[in-house]
Amino acid sequence: MDNNAIDDEFPCSLTIDVPFPTPRLASVAHRALAVDKELSPLVRRTFSVEETAGDASAILRVQYKATTNRMLRVSVNGLMESLNLVVEVMEELDVDVLEHNKEDGQ
């Protein structure tokens, strides 16, 4: 079934693409976020890591389906809070991020 197809049971959907400087960092974020299962049976979430063509970066893709827009919003808010924490930890502790920041002059 096409991920973008309208599902009668879960009609509300959203795809979020989060860019990372390396596939390893996207994979780390994926593993850190995927351990927390959705609390509501009214929401479904899938993760994938897509490598971008032409450079060393990657995208963490999160696809949501929910029964209502409210349930979708609540779940996405939770993801964003968790994603913020994961990225902050990467910025402080991960060698790839530190090297990437040096290259960008930050």
N, C-alpha and C. Protein backbone atom coordinates (compact mmCIF):
# COMPACT_ATOMS: atom_id res chain seq x y z
N MET A 1 0.84 -1.19 0.00
CA MET A 1 0.00 0.00 0.00
C MET A 1 0.89 1.25 0.00
N ASP A 2 0.54 2.21 -0.78
CA ASP A 2 1.27 3.47 -0.86
C ASP A 2 1.18 4.20 0.48
N ASN A 3 2.33 4.66 1.01
CA ASN A 3 2.35 5.35 2.30
C ASN A 3 1.56 6.65 2.29
N ASN A 4 1.37 7.25 1.11
CA ASN A 4 0.63 8.51 1.02
C ASN A 4 -0.85 8.31 0.73
N ALA A 5 -1.28 7.07 0.55
CA ALA A 5 -2.68 6.80 0.26
C ALA A 5 -3.53 7.12 1.50
N ILE A 6 -4.74 7.57 1.26
CA ILE A 6 -5.65 7.90 2.36
C ILE A 6 -6.20 6.60 2.93
N ASP A 7 -6.08 6.46 4.23
CA ASP A 7 -6.53 5.29 4.95
C ASP A 7 -7.82 5.69 5.67
N ASP A 8 -8.91 4.95 5.43
CA ASP A 8 -10.19 5.29 6.05
C ASP A 8 -10.12 5.26 7.58
N GLU A 9 -9.31 4.36 8.12
CA GLU A 9 -9.19 4.24 9.56
C GLU A 9 -8.27 5.32 10.15
N PHE A 10 -7.26 5.72 9.38
CA PHE A 10 -6.28 6.73 9.82
C PHE A 10 -6.16 7.80 8.73
N PRO A 11 -7.15 8.69 8.62
CA PRO A 11 -7.20 9.63 7.49
C PRO A 11 -6.22 10.81 7.58
N CYS A 12 -5.70 11.09 8.76
CA CYS A 12 -4.80 12.24 8.92
C CYS A 12 -3.36 11.75 8.85
N SER A 13 -2.55 12.38 8.00
CA SER A 13 -1.17 11.91 7.86
C SER A 13 -0.21 13.08 7.73
N LEU A 14 1.05 12.80 8.06
CA LEU A 14 2.10 13.80 7.98
C LEU A 14 3.43 13.08 7.81
N THR A 15 4.27 13.60 6.92
CA THR A 15 5.63 13.10 6.76
C THR A 15 6.59 14.21 7.13
N ILE A 16 7.53 13.89 8.01
CA ILE A 16 8.53 14.86 8.47
C ILE A 16 9.90 14.36 8.03
N ASP A 17 10.66 15.19 7.32
CA ASP A 17 12.02 14.88 6.92
C ASP A 17 12.98 15.73 7.73
N VAL A 18 13.87 15.06 8.47
CA VAL A 18 14.84 15.74 9.32
C VAL A 18 16.23 15.49 8.76
N PRO A 19 16.92 16.53 8.26
CA PRO A 19 18.25 16.33 7.68
C PRO A 19 19.33 16.18 8.76
N PHE A 20 20.29 15.29 8.49
CA PHE A 20 21.45 15.09 9.35
C PHE A 20 22.70 15.13 8.48
N PRO A 21 23.84 15.57 9.05
CA PRO A 21 25.05 15.69 8.24
C PRO A 21 25.64 14.35 7.80
N THR A 22 25.33 13.25 8.52
CA THR A 22 25.85 11.94 8.13
C THR A 22 24.76 10.88 8.31
N PRO A 23 24.85 9.78 7.55
CA PRO A 23 23.91 8.68 7.74
C PRO A 23 23.99 8.08 9.15
N ARG A 24 25.19 8.06 9.73
CA ARG A 24 25.34 7.50 11.08
C ARG A 24 24.52 8.31 12.09
N LEU A 25 24.56 9.63 11.99
CA LEU A 25 23.79 10.46 12.93
C LEU A 25 22.29 10.27 12.73
N ALA A 26 21.85 10.14 11.48
CA ALA A 26 20.43 9.87 11.22
C ALA A 26 20.03 8.53 11.81
N SER A 27 20.91 7.54 11.70
CA SER A 27 20.63 6.22 12.25
C SER A 27 20.60 6.25 13.78
N VAL A 28 21.50 7.00 14.39
CA VAL A 28 21.50 7.14 15.85
C VAL A 28 20.19 7.78 16.31
N ALA A 29 19.77 8.84 15.64
CA ALA A 29 18.50 9.49 16.00
C ALA A 29 17.33 8.52 15.82
N HIS A 30 17.35 7.77 14.73
CA HIS A 30 16.30 6.78 14.48
C HIS A 30 16.22 5.78 15.63
N ARG A 31 17.37 5.23 16.01
CA ARG A 31 17.37 4.23 17.08
C ARG A 31 16.95 4.83 18.42
N ALA A 32 17.34 6.08 18.68
CA ALA A 32 16.98 6.72 19.94
C ALA A 32 15.48 7.01 20.02
N LEU A 33 14.90 7.40 18.90
CA LEU A 33 13.48 7.78 18.89
C LEU A 33 12.54 6.58 18.74
N ALA A 34 12.99 5.55 18.04
CA ALA A 34 12.11 4.41 17.75
C ALA A 34 11.81 3.55 18.97
N VAL A 35 12.63 3.65 20.02
CA VAL A 35 12.37 2.82 21.21
C VAL A 35 11.10 3.23 21.92
N ASP A 36 10.70 4.48 21.79
CA ASP A 36 9.46 4.95 22.42
C ASP A 36 8.29 4.68 21.48
N LYS A 37 7.48 3.70 21.85
CA LYS A 37 6.31 3.37 21.04
C LYS A 37 5.24 4.44 21.22
N GLU A 38 4.40 4.57 20.23
CA GLU A 38 3.27 5.51 20.33
C GLU A 38 2.37 5.07 21.48
N LEU A 39 1.97 6.02 22.29
CA LEU A 39 1.14 5.71 23.45
C LEU A 39 -0.31 5.44 23.08
N SER A 40 -0.75 5.99 21.98
CA SER A 40 -2.15 5.86 21.59
C SER A 40 -2.30 4.88 20.43
N PRO A 41 -3.29 4.01 20.51
CA PRO A 41 -3.58 3.13 19.36
C PRO A 41 -4.21 3.89 18.20
N LEU A 42 -4.50 5.18 18.41
CA LEU A 42 -5.11 6.01 17.37
C LEU A 42 -4.07 6.65 16.46
N VAL A 43 -2.78 6.33 16.70
CA VAL A 43 -1.68 6.91 15.91
C VAL A 43 -0.73 5.80 15.50
N ARG A 44 -0.28 5.87 14.26
CA ARG A 44 0.76 4.95 13.76
C ARG A 44 1.93 5.78 13.26
N ARG A 45 3.14 5.28 13.53
CA ARG A 45 4.35 6.02 13.15
C ARG A 45 5.37 5.05 12.58
N THR A 46 6.05 5.46 11.51
CA THR A 46 7.14 4.67 10.95
C THR A 46 8.35 5.57 10.75
N PHE A 47 9.52 4.99 10.90
CA PHE A 47 10.79 5.69 10.69
C PHE A 47 11.54 5.05 9.54
N SER A 48 12.30 5.86 8.82
CA SER A 48 13.26 5.34 7.84
C SER A 48 14.39 6.34 7.70
N VAL A 49 15.55 5.84 7.29
CA VAL A 49 16.71 6.70 7.03
C VAL A 49 16.99 6.65 5.54
N GLU A 50 16.99 7.81 4.91
CA GLU A 50 17.22 7.93 3.47
C GLU A 50 18.54 8.65 3.24
N GLU A 51 19.48 8.00 2.56
CA GLU A 51 20.73 8.67 2.22
C GLU A 51 20.50 9.58 1.02
N THR A 52 21.08 10.76 1.06
CA THR A 52 20.89 11.71 -0.03
C THR A 52 21.96 11.49 -1.09
N ALA A 53 21.58 11.72 -2.33
CA ALA A 53 22.51 11.53 -3.45
C ALA A 53 23.47 12.71 -3.54
N GLY A 54 24.72 12.40 -3.82
CA GLY A 54 25.67 13.46 -4.10
C GLY A 54 26.47 13.98 -2.92
N ASP A 55 26.05 13.70 -1.70
CA ASP A 55 26.86 14.12 -0.56
C ASP A 55 26.75 13.09 0.56
N ALA A 56 27.35 13.38 1.68
CA ALA A 56 27.42 12.42 2.78
C ALA A 56 26.28 12.58 3.78
N SER A 57 25.28 13.39 3.47
CA SER A 57 24.21 13.63 4.44
C SER A 57 23.11 12.56 4.32
N ALA A 58 22.18 12.61 5.25
CA ALA A 58 21.06 11.67 5.26
C ALA A 58 19.84 12.35 5.86
N ILE A 59 18.69 11.74 5.61
CA ILE A 59 17.42 12.27 6.12
C ILE A 59 16.75 11.21 6.98
N LEU A 60 16.32 11.62 8.15
CA LEU A 60 15.46 10.77 8.97
C LEU A 60 14.03 11.11 8.60
N ARG A 61 13.31 10.15 8.04
CA ARG A 61 11.93 10.37 7.63
C ARG A 61 11.00 9.71 8.65
N VAL A 62 10.06 10.51 9.15
CA VAL A 62 9.07 10.02 10.10
C VAL A 62 7.71 10.20 9.46
N GLN A 63 6.97 9.10 9.34
CA GLN A 63 5.64 9.16 8.74
C GLN A 63 4.60 8.83 9.80
N TYR A 64 3.64 9.72 9.92
CA TYR A 64 2.56 9.58 10.89
C TYR A 64 1.24 9.37 10.18
N LYS A 65 0.39 8.55 10.80
CA LYS A 65 -1.02 8.42 10.43
C LYS A 65 -1.81 8.43 11.72
N ALA A 66 -2.93 9.15 11.72
CA ALA A 66 -3.73 9.26 12.94
C ALA A 66 -5.21 9.32 12.59
N THR A 67 -6.02 9.06 13.60
CA THR A 67 -7.46 9.08 13.39
C THR A 67 -8.00 10.51 13.34
N THR A 68 -7.35 11.43 14.06
CA THR A 68 -7.79 12.83 14.06
C THR A 68 -6.58 13.76 13.98
N ASN A 69 -6.82 14.99 13.56
CA ASN A 69 -5.74 15.97 13.52
C ASN A 69 -5.20 16.26 14.92
N ARG A 70 -6.06 16.23 15.91
CA ARG A 70 -5.62 16.47 17.29
C ARG A 70 -4.64 15.39 17.73
N MET A 71 -4.96 14.13 17.47
CA MET A 71 -4.06 13.03 17.85
C MET A 71 -2.74 13.14 17.10
N LEU A 72 -2.81 13.55 15.84
CA LEU A 72 -1.60 13.75 15.04
C LEU A 72 -0.73 14.85 15.66
N ARG A 73 -1.34 15.97 16.01
CA ARG A 73 -0.61 17.10 16.60
C ARG A 73 0.05 16.71 17.92
N VAL A 74 -0.68 16.03 18.78
CA VAL A 74 -0.14 15.63 20.08
C VAL A 74 1.06 14.70 19.90
N SER A 75 0.96 13.76 18.99
CA SER A 75 2.07 12.83 18.75
C SER A 75 3.28 13.52 18.16
N VAL A 76 3.05 14.41 17.20
CA VAL A 76 4.16 15.13 16.58
C VAL A 76 4.83 16.05 17.60
N ASN A 77 4.07 16.68 18.48
CA ASN A 77 4.66 17.50 19.54
C ASN A 77 5.61 16.68 20.41
N GLY A 78 5.18 15.47 20.76
CA GLY A 78 6.03 14.58 21.55
C GLY A 78 7.30 14.20 20.81
N LEU A 79 7.18 13.93 19.52
CA LEU A 79 8.35 13.61 18.70
C LEU A 79 9.32 14.79 18.68
N MET A 80 8.80 15.99 18.48
CA MET A 80 9.66 17.17 18.39
C MET A 80 10.42 17.41 19.69
N GLU A 81 9.77 17.19 20.83
CA GLU A 81 10.46 17.34 22.11
C GLU A 81 11.59 16.32 22.23
N SER A 82 11.32 15.08 21.86
CA SER A 82 12.34 14.03 21.93
C SER A 82 13.45 14.29 20.93
N LEU A 83 13.10 14.69 19.72
CA LEU A 83 14.09 14.99 18.68
C LEU A 83 14.99 16.13 19.12
N ASN A 84 14.42 17.15 19.74
CA ASN A 84 15.21 18.27 20.25
C ASN A 84 16.25 17.78 21.25
N LEU A 85 15.86 16.91 22.15
CA LEU A 85 16.79 16.38 23.14
C LEU A 85 17.90 15.57 22.46
N VAL A 86 17.54 14.72 21.51
CA VAL A 86 18.53 13.90 20.80
C VAL A 86 19.55 14.79 20.09
N VAL A 87 19.08 15.81 19.40
CA VAL A 87 19.98 16.70 18.66
C VAL A 87 20.87 17.50 19.63
N GLU A 88 20.32 17.95 20.75
CA GLU A 88 21.14 18.67 21.74
C GLU A 88 22.26 17.78 22.28
N VAL A 89 21.96 16.52 22.55
CA VAL A 89 22.99 15.59 23.03
C VAL A 89 24.04 15.37 21.94
N MET A 90 23.60 15.22 20.69
CA MET A 90 24.55 15.07 19.58
C MET A 90 25.46 16.28 19.48
N GLU A 91 24.89 17.47 19.61
CA GLU A 91 25.69 18.70 19.50
C GLU A 91 26.76 18.78 20.59
N GLU A 92 26.44 18.26 21.76
CA GLU A 92 27.39 18.33 22.88
C GLU A 92 28.41 17.21 22.87
N LEU A 93 28.02 16.02 22.41
CA LEU A 93 28.86 14.85 22.63
C LEU A 93 29.36 14.13 21.39
N ASP A 94 28.75 14.32 20.26
CA ASP A 94 29.11 13.51 19.10
C ASP A 94 30.22 14.14 18.28
N VAL A 95 31.22 13.34 17.94
CA VAL A 95 32.39 13.81 17.20
C VAL A 95 32.00 14.31 15.81
N ASP A 96 31.11 13.60 15.11
CA ASP A 96 30.70 14.02 13.76
C ASP A 96 30.07 15.41 13.77
N VAL A 97 29.25 15.68 14.76
CA VAL A 97 28.59 16.99 14.83
C VAL A 97 29.61 18.07 15.16
N LEU A 98 30.52 17.76 16.08
CA LEU A 98 31.55 18.74 16.44
C LEU A 98 32.41 19.08 15.24
N GLU A 99 32.81 18.06 14.46
CA GLU A 99 33.62 18.30 13.26
C GLU A 99 32.83 19.08 12.21
N HIS A 100 31.55 18.75 12.05
CA HIS A 100 30.70 19.45 11.08
C HIS A 100 30.57 20.93 11.47
N ASN A 101 30.41 21.20 12.75
CA ASN A 101 30.30 22.59 13.22
C ASN A 101 31.59 23.36 12.99
N LYS A 102 32.75 22.70 13.17
CA LYS A 102 34.04 23.36 12.91
C LYS A 102 34.17 23.73 11.44
N GLU A 103 33.74 22.82 10.56
CA GLU A 103 33.81 23.08 9.12
C GLU A 103 32.93 24.26 8.72
N ASP A 104 31.79 24.40 9.39
CA ASP A 104 30.86 25.49 9.09
C ASP A 104 31.22 26.78 9.82
N GLY A 105 32.26 26.74 10.66
CA GLY A 105 32.69 27.94 11.37
C GLY A 105 31.84 28.29 12.57
N GLN A 106 31.15 27.31 13.14
CA GLN A 106 30.29 27.58 14.31
C GLN A 106 31.02 27.31 15.60
